[in-house]
Amino acid sequence: MRYRLALILAGAAAGASPTALTAAEVLRTAITVRVYQTAGLPSGLEQRALAEAETVLRDAFVDVRWRHCTGLNPSPACNVARGHSELSLRIVREGAPRHDTSATLGDALIDRGAGGVLATVYFNHVAWLAKTTGTDAAVVLGRAVAHELGHLLMRTLVHPGRGLMRPSWTPGELRRNRAADWAFTAADVVAMRQPWPGY
């Protein structure tokens, strides 16, 4: 275990991408995410967005299981207390009003004693950014979901300067679509591996 952690830290220090780390060096993490989708999205768009988020998280050695808690057939497990390594995601239509040209795509609520609690993504802001850049809204939504869940997994609202967790996504970055801009960094992967409080 110490050897694996040393390799991870060495990769993080060198600025390696998650793909430069191997499964032999990083233990995979499994999480369950309760999804509360109240934005009225078509099911196909929601499924493609969650698939995009799942791919981004999988590349960071995080396996996610979605538990749908709204719609016609919500999971009965949504009625019981939230378990360890279980997070909540809201996809809502409207975000907080802004008086400038920037748009907040989401927010994260973190209980530092108990770990991540709630990620929220604002679909109207996602749709605006996707339309402005000619990008698939499902892709932008999925990346925003992965970003906010990243905050919960790392239990921090801090934004590093690069990778998926950077604070702002410019139209130019979306159009260029460089893989490194939409992936967790090795340092992010390390941060996600820190033990959850109380376990």
C-alpha atoms as a PDB file:
ATOM      1  CA  MET A   1       0.000   0.000   0.000  1.00  0.00           C
ATOM      2  CA  ARG A   2       2.831   2.424   0.829  1.00  0.00           C
ATOM      3  CA  TYR A   3       4.491   1.621  -2.496  1.00  0.00           C
ATOM      4  CA  ARG A   4       1.271   2.328  -4.384  1.00  0.00           C
ATOM      5  CA  LEU A   5       0.755   5.619  -2.561  1.00  0.00           C
ATOM      6  CA  ALA A   6       4.352   6.621  -3.269  1.00  0.00           C
ATOM      7  CA  LEU A   7       3.808   6.011  -6.972  1.00  0.00           C
ATOM      8  CA  ILE A   8       0.590   8.029  -6.931  1.00  0.00           C
ATOM      9  CA  LEU A   9       2.260  10.929  -5.148  1.00  0.00           C
ATOM     10  CA  ALA A  10       5.194  10.818  -7.552  1.00  0.00           C
ATOM     11  CA  GLY A  11       2.791  10.974 -10.482  1.00  0.00           C
ATOM     12  CA  ALA A  12       0.883  13.840  -8.899  1.00  0.00           C
ATOM     13  CA  ALA A  13       4.085  15.767  -8.281  1.00  0.00           C
ATOM     14  CA  ALA A  14       5.056  15.298 -11.911  1.00  0.00           C
ATOM     15  CA  GLY A  15       1.650  16.528 -13.053  1.00  0.00           C
ATOM     16  CA  ALA A  16       0.757  13.213 -14.666  1.00  0.00           C
ATOM     17  CA  SER A  17      -2.726  12.626 -15.991  1.00  0.00           C
ATOM     18  CA  PRO A  18      -4.868   9.901 -14.390  1.00  0.00           C
ATOM     19  CA  THR A  19      -4.284   7.741 -17.451  1.00  0.00           C
ATOM     20  CA  ALA A  20      -0.566   7.754 -16.630  1.00  0.00           C
ATOM     21  CA  LEU A  21      -1.436   5.927 -13.401  1.00  0.00           C
ATOM     22  CA  THR A  22      -2.355   2.270 -13.630  1.00  0.00           C
ATOM     23  CA  ALA A  23      -4.875   0.153 -11.768  1.00  0.00           C
ATOM     24  CA  ALA A  24      -1.933  -1.552 -10.053  1.00  0.00           C
ATOM     25  CA  GLU A  25      -0.936   1.787  -8.549  1.00  0.00           C
ATOM     26  CA  VAL A  26      -4.374   3.064  -7.555  1.00  0.00           C
ATOM     27  CA  LEU A  27      -7.126   1.288  -5.674  1.00  0.00           C
ATOM     28  CA  ARG A  28     -10.495   1.819  -7.304  1.00  0.00           C
ATOM     29  CA  THR A  29     -13.224   3.577  -5.345  1.00  0.00           C
ATOM     30  CA  ALA A  30     -16.909   2.657  -5.635  1.00  0.00           C
ATOM     31  CA  ILE A  31     -19.627   5.199  -4.894  1.00  0.00           C
ATOM     32  CA  THR A  32     -23.397   5.378  -5.179  1.00  0.00           C
ATOM     33  CA  VAL A  33     -24.984   8.647  -6.277  1.00  0.00           C
ATOM     34  CA  ARG A  34     -28.626   9.440  -5.641  1.00  0.00           C
ATOM     35  CA  VAL A  35     -29.894  11.446  -8.626  1.00  0.00           C
ATOM     36  CA  TYR A  36     -32.703  13.983  -8.163  1.00  0.00           C
ATOM     37  CA  GLN A  37     -33.471  15.311 -11.643  1.00  0.00           C
ATOM     38  CA  THR A  38     -36.131  18.036 -11.548  1.00  0.00           C
ATOM     39  CA  ALA A  39     -35.115  19.925 -14.704  1.00  0.00           C
ATOM     40  CA  GLY A  40     -37.551  17.990 -16.906  1.00  0.00           C
ATOM     41  CA  LEU A  41     -34.783  16.643 -19.143  1.00  0.00           C
ATOM     42  CA  PRO A  42     -35.551  14.050 -21.820  1.00  0.00           C
ATOM     43  CA  SER A  43     -34.478  10.655 -20.508  1.00  0.00           C
ATOM     44  CA  GLY A  44     -32.038  10.194 -23.391  1.00  0.00           C
ATOM     45  CA  LEU A  45     -30.213  13.422 -22.590  1.00  0.00           C
ATOM     46  CA  GLU A  46     -30.014  12.543 -18.901  1.00  0.00           C
ATOM     47  CA  GLN A  47     -28.693   9.060 -19.670  1.00  0.00           C
ATOM     48  CA  ARG A  48     -26.016  10.400 -22.036  1.00  0.00           C
ATOM     49  CA  ALA A  49     -24.970  13.020 -19.469  1.00  0.00           C
ATOM     50  CA  LEU A  50     -24.641  10.457 -16.680  1.00  0.00           C
ATOM     51  CA  ALA A  51     -22.717   8.163 -19.041  1.00  0.00           C
ATOM     52  CA  GLU A  52     -20.279  11.027 -19.756  1.00  0.00           C
ATOM     53  CA  ALA A  53     -19.847  11.704 -16.020  1.00  0.00           C
ATOM     54  CA  GLU A  54     -19.366   7.985 -15.411  1.00  0.00           C
ATOM     55  CA  THR A  55     -16.595   7.846 -18.033  1.00  0.00           C
ATOM     56  CA  VAL A  56     -14.777  10.840 -16.544  1.00  0.00           C
ATOM     57  CA  LEU A  57     -14.994   9.337 -13.049  1.00  0.00           C
ATOM     58  CA  ARG A  58     -13.966   5.871 -14.254  1.00  0.00           C
ATOM     59  CA  ASP A  59     -10.798   7.365 -15.749  1.00  0.00           C
ATOM     60  CA  ALA A  60     -10.038   8.643 -12.225  1.00  0.00           C
ATOM     61  CA  PHE A  61     -10.500   5.094 -10.857  1.00  0.00           C
ATOM     62  CA  VAL A  62     -13.957   5.883  -9.407  1.00  0.00           C
ATOM     63  CA  ASP A  63     -16.794   3.480 -10.228  1.00  0.00           C
ATOM     64  CA  VAL A  64     -20.198   5.087  -9.873  1.00  0.00           C
ATOM     65  CA  ARG A  65     -23.630   3.537  -9.489  1.00  0.00           C
ATOM     66  CA  TRP A  66     -26.559   5.864 -10.195  1.00  0.00           C
ATOM     67  CA  ARG A  67     -29.636   5.552  -8.008  1.00  0.00           C
ATOM     68  CA  HIS A  68     -32.555   7.436  -9.594  1.00  0.00           C
ATOM     69  CA  CYS A  69     -34.722   9.093  -6.955  1.00  0.00           C
ATOM     70  CA  THR A  70     -37.201  11.021  -9.136  1.00  0.00           C
ATOM     71  CA  GLY A  71     -39.380  10.171 -12.114  1.00  0.00           C
ATOM     72  CA  LEU A  72     -41.942   7.438 -12.595  1.00  0.00           C
ATOM     73  CA  ASN A  73     -39.972   4.638 -10.928  1.00  0.00           C
ATOM     74  CA  PRO A  74     -37.741   6.024  -8.183  1.00  0.00           C
ATOM     75  CA  SER A  75     -35.548   3.544  -6.370  1.00  0.00           C
ATOM     76  CA  PRO A  76     -37.023   2.372  -3.040  1.00  0.00           C
ATOM     77  CA  ALA A  77     -33.505   2.732  -1.601  1.00  0.00           C
ATOM     78  CA  CYS A  78     -33.924   6.513  -1.878  1.00  0.00           C
ATOM     79  CA  ASN A  79     -36.254   6.348   1.145  1.00  0.00           C
ATOM     80  CA  VAL A  80     -33.601   5.114   3.555  1.00  0.00           C
ATOM     81  CA  ALA A  81     -30.771   7.000   5.237  1.00  0.00           C
ATOM     82  CA  ARG A  82     -27.774   7.872   3.082  1.00  0.00           C
ATOM     83  CA  GLY A  83     -25.041   5.294   3.433  1.00  0.00           C
ATOM     84  CA  HIS A  84     -21.260   5.550   3.557  1.00  0.00           C
ATOM     85  CA  SER A  85     -19.758   6.594   0.214  1.00  0.00           C
ATOM     86  CA  GLU A  86     -23.228   7.563  -1.006  1.00  0.00           C
ATOM     87  CA  LEU A  87     -23.588  11.032  -2.490  1.00  0.00           C
ATOM     88  CA  SER A  88     -26.541  13.084  -3.711  1.00  0.00           C
ATOM     89  CA  LEU A  89     -26.851  14.930  -7.026  1.00  0.00           C
ATOM     90  CA  ARG A  90     -29.523  17.431  -8.027  1.00  0.00           C
ATOM     91  CA  ILE A  91     -29.995  18.473 -11.638  1.00  0.00           C
ATOM     92  CA  VAL A  92     -32.261  21.520 -11.566  1.00  0.00           C
ATOM     93  CA  ARG A  93     -33.507  23.866 -14.248  1.00  0.00           C
ATOM     94  CA  GLU A  94     -32.624  27.289 -12.839  1.00  0.00           C
ATOM     95  CA  GLY A  95     -29.434  28.514 -11.244  1.00  0.00           C
ATOM     96  CA  ALA A  96     -28.796  31.572  -9.142  1.00  0.00           C
ATOM     97  CA  PRO A  97     -29.248  34.784 -11.173  1.00  0.00           C
ATOM     98  CA  ARG A  98     -26.003  36.381 -12.331  1.00  0.00           C
ATOM     99  CA  HIS A  99     -25.320  39.989 -13.216  1.00  0.00           C
ATOM    100  CA  ASP A 100     -22.253  39.400 -15.368  1.00  0.00           C
ATOM    101  CA  THR A 101     -21.352  37.287 -18.371  1.00  0.00           C
ATOM    102  CA  SER A 102     -20.173  34.264 -16.391  1.00  0.00           C
ATOM    103  CA  ALA A 103     -22.406  31.354 -15.484  1.00  0.00           C
ATOM    104  CA  THR A 104     -22.046  29.040 -12.527  1.00  0.00           C
ATOM    105  CA  LEU A 105     -22.743  25.535 -13.774  1.00  0.00           C
ATOM    106  CA  GLY A 106     -23.092  24.026 -10.321  1.00  0.00           C
ATOM    107  CA  ASP A 107     -22.419  24.061  -6.611  1.00  0.00           C
ATOM    108  CA  ALA A 108     -21.331  21.584  -3.972  1.00  0.00           C
ATOM    109  CA  LEU A 109     -22.399  21.375  -0.344  1.00  0.00           C
ATOM    110  CA  ILE A 110     -19.813  19.755   1.889  1.00  0.00           C
ATOM    111  CA  ASP A 111     -20.003  18.650   5.515  1.00  0.00           C
ATOM    112  CA  ARG A 112     -16.315  18.499   6.446  1.00  0.00           C
ATOM    113  CA  GLY A 113     -17.031  16.064   9.259  1.00  0.00           C
ATOM    114  CA  ALA A 114     -19.081  13.596   7.255  1.00  0.00           C
ATOM    115  CA  GLY A 115     -17.722  14.016   3.743  1.00  0.00           C
ATOM    116  CA  GLY A 116     -19.491  15.223   0.621  1.00  0.00           C
ATOM    117  CA  VAL A 117     -23.213  15.777   0.879  1.00  0.00           C
ATOM    118  CA  LEU A 118     -24.891  17.377  -2.157  1.00  0.00           C
ATOM    119  CA  ALA A 119     -23.867  18.380  -5.680  1.00  0.00           C
ATOM    120  CA  THR A 120     -26.172  20.614  -7.726  1.00  0.00           C
ATOM    121  CA  VAL A 121     -25.943  21.331 -11.454  1.00  0.00           C
ATOM    122  CA  TYR A 122     -27.969  24.086 -13.169  1.00  0.00           C
ATOM    123  CA  PHE A 123     -29.174  22.874 -16.540  1.00  0.00           C
ATOM    124  CA  ASN A 124     -30.144  26.312 -17.889  1.00  0.00           C
ATOM    125  CA  HIS A 125     -26.534  27.458 -17.512  1.00  0.00           C
ATOM    126  CA  VAL A 126     -25.228  24.219 -19.022  1.00  0.00           C
ATOM    127  CA  ALA A 127     -27.601  24.539 -22.004  1.00  0.00           C
ATOM    128  CA  TRP A 128     -26.567  28.178 -22.574  1.00  0.00           C
ATOM    129  CA  LEU A 129     -22.865  27.301 -22.568  1.00  0.00           C
ATOM    130  CA  ALA A 130     -23.407  24.297 -24.848  1.00  0.00           C
ATOM    131  CA  LYS A 131     -25.420  26.353 -27.333  1.00  0.00           C
ATOM    132  CA  THR A 132     -22.895  29.206 -27.276  1.00  0.00           C
ATOM    133  CA  THR A 133     -20.027  26.846 -28.099  1.00  0.00           C
ATOM    134  CA  GLY A 134     -21.821  24.392 -30.381  1.00  0.00           C
ATOM    135  CA  THR A 135     -21.147  21.607 -27.873  1.00  0.00           C
ATOM    136  CA  ASP A 136     -23.454  18.687 -27.027  1.00  0.00           C
ATOM    137  CA  ALA A 137     -25.430  19.706 -23.916  1.00  0.00           C
ATOM    138  CA  ALA A 138     -25.234  16.133 -22.583  1.00  0.00           C
ATOM    139  CA  VAL A 139     -21.425  16.256 -22.702  1.00  0.00           C
ATOM    140  CA  VAL A 140     -21.252  19.600 -20.887  1.00  0.00           C
ATOM    141  CA  LEU A 141     -23.811  18.412 -18.328  1.00  0.00           C
ATOM    142  CA  GLY A 142     -21.902  15.194 -17.713  1.00  0.00           C
ATOM    143  CA  ARG A 143     -18.638  17.059 -17.219  1.00  0.00           C
ATOM    144  CA  ALA A 144     -20.330  19.501 -14.831  1.00  0.00           C
ATOM    145  CA  VAL A 145     -21.771  16.559 -12.860  1.00  0.00           C
ATOM    146  CA  ALA A 146     -18.314  14.946 -12.630  1.00  0.00           C
ATOM    147  CA  HIS A 147     -16.804  18.275 -11.517  1.00  0.00           C
ATOM    148  CA  GLU A 148     -19.309  18.778  -8.689  1.00  0.00           C
ATOM    149  CA  LEU A 149     -19.044  15.154  -7.570  1.00  0.00           C
ATOM    150  CA  GLY A 150     -15.274  15.670  -7.581  1.00  0.00           C
ATOM    151  CA  HIS A 151     -15.739  18.394  -4.967  1.00  0.00           C
ATOM    152  CA  LEU A 152     -17.706  15.971  -2.802  1.00  0.00           C
ATOM    153  CA  LEU A 153     -15.189  13.162  -3.190  1.00  0.00           C
ATOM    154  CA  MET A 154     -12.285  15.460  -2.303  1.00  0.00           C
ATOM    155  CA  ARG A 155     -14.312  17.267   0.376  1.00  0.00           C
ATOM    156  CA  THR A 156     -13.112  20.665  -0.772  1.00  0.00           C
ATOM    157  CA  LEU A 157     -14.441  23.650  -2.703  1.00  0.00           C
ATOM    158  CA  VAL A 158     -10.929  24.625  -3.813  1.00  0.00           C
ATOM    159  CA  HIS A 159     -10.330  24.797  -7.569  1.00  0.00           C
ATOM    160  CA  PRO A 160      -6.899  23.901  -8.957  1.00  0.00           C
ATOM    161  CA  GLY A 161      -5.610  25.742 -11.997  1.00  0.00           C
ATOM    162  CA  ARG A 162      -5.959  22.931 -14.528  1.00  0.00           C
ATOM    163  CA  GLY A 163      -7.940  19.866 -15.454  1.00  0.00           C
ATOM    164  CA  LEU A 164     -11.643  19.242 -14.955  1.00  0.00           C
ATOM    165  CA  MET A 165     -11.625  20.900 -11.503  1.00  0.00           C
ATOM    166  CA  ARG A 166     -10.420  24.341 -12.704  1.00  0.00           C
ATOM    167  CA  PRO A 167     -12.847  27.119 -11.698  1.00  0.00           C
ATOM    168  CA  SER A 168     -13.893  28.408 -15.132  1.00  0.00           C
ATOM    169  CA  TRP A 169     -14.535  26.739 -18.460  1.00  0.00           C
ATOM    170  CA  THR A 170     -14.109  29.101 -21.382  1.00  0.00           C
ATOM    171  CA  PRO A 171     -15.916  28.780 -24.722  1.00  0.00           C
ATOM    172  CA  GLY A 172     -12.519  28.348 -26.374  1.00  0.00           C
ATOM    173  CA  GLU A 173     -11.665  25.396 -24.131  1.00  0.00           C
ATOM    174  CA  LEU A 174     -14.960  23.720 -24.941  1.00  0.00           C
ATOM    175  CA  ARG A 175     -14.426  24.201 -28.665  1.00  0.00           C
ATOM    176  CA  ARG A 176     -10.812  22.923 -28.553  1.00  0.00           C
ATOM    177  CA  ASN A 177     -11.940  19.906 -26.480  1.00  0.00           C
ATOM    178  CA  ARG A 178      -8.473  18.883 -25.283  1.00  0.00           C
ATOM    179  CA  ALA A 179      -8.677  15.670 -23.256  1.00  0.00           C
ATOM    180  CA  ALA A 180      -6.560  17.050 -20.392  1.00  0.00           C
ATOM    181  CA  ASP A 181      -9.079  19.868 -19.830  1.00  0.00           C
ATOM    182  CA  TRP A 182     -11.871  17.376 -19.092  1.00  0.00           C
ATOM    183  CA  ALA A 183     -10.038  14.888 -16.882  1.00  0.00           C
ATOM    184  CA  PHE A 184      -9.132  14.794 -13.202  1.00  0.00           C
ATOM    185  CA  THR A 185      -5.432  15.369 -12.564  1.00  0.00           C
ATOM    186  CA  ALA A 186      -3.260  12.853 -10.710  1.00  0.00           C
ATOM    187  CA  ALA A 187      -3.382  15.174  -7.685  1.00  0.00           C
ATOM    188  CA  ASP A 188      -7.191  15.000  -7.803  1.00  0.00           C
ATOM    189  CA  VAL A 189      -7.014  11.204  -7.900  1.00  0.00           C
ATOM    190  CA  VAL A 190      -4.811  11.234  -4.808  1.00  0.00           C
ATOM    191  CA  ALA A 191      -7.206  13.596  -2.989  1.00  0.00           C
ATOM    192  CA  MET A 192     -10.140  11.295  -3.759  1.00  0.00           C
ATOM    193  CA  ARG A 193      -8.303   8.450  -2.029  1.00  0.00           C
ATOM    194  CA  GLN A 194      -8.165  10.129   1.386  1.00  0.00           C
ATOM    195  CA  PRO A 195     -10.164   8.174   4.014  1.00  0.00           C
ATOM    196  CA  TRP A 196     -13.684   9.336   4.738  1.00  0.00           C
ATOM    197  CA  PRO A 197     -14.092  10.682   8.281  1.00  0.00           C
ATOM    198  CA  GLY A 198     -15.227   8.068  10.766  1.00  0.00           C
ATOM    199  CA  TYR A 199     -14.207   5.077   8.637  1.00  0.00           C
END
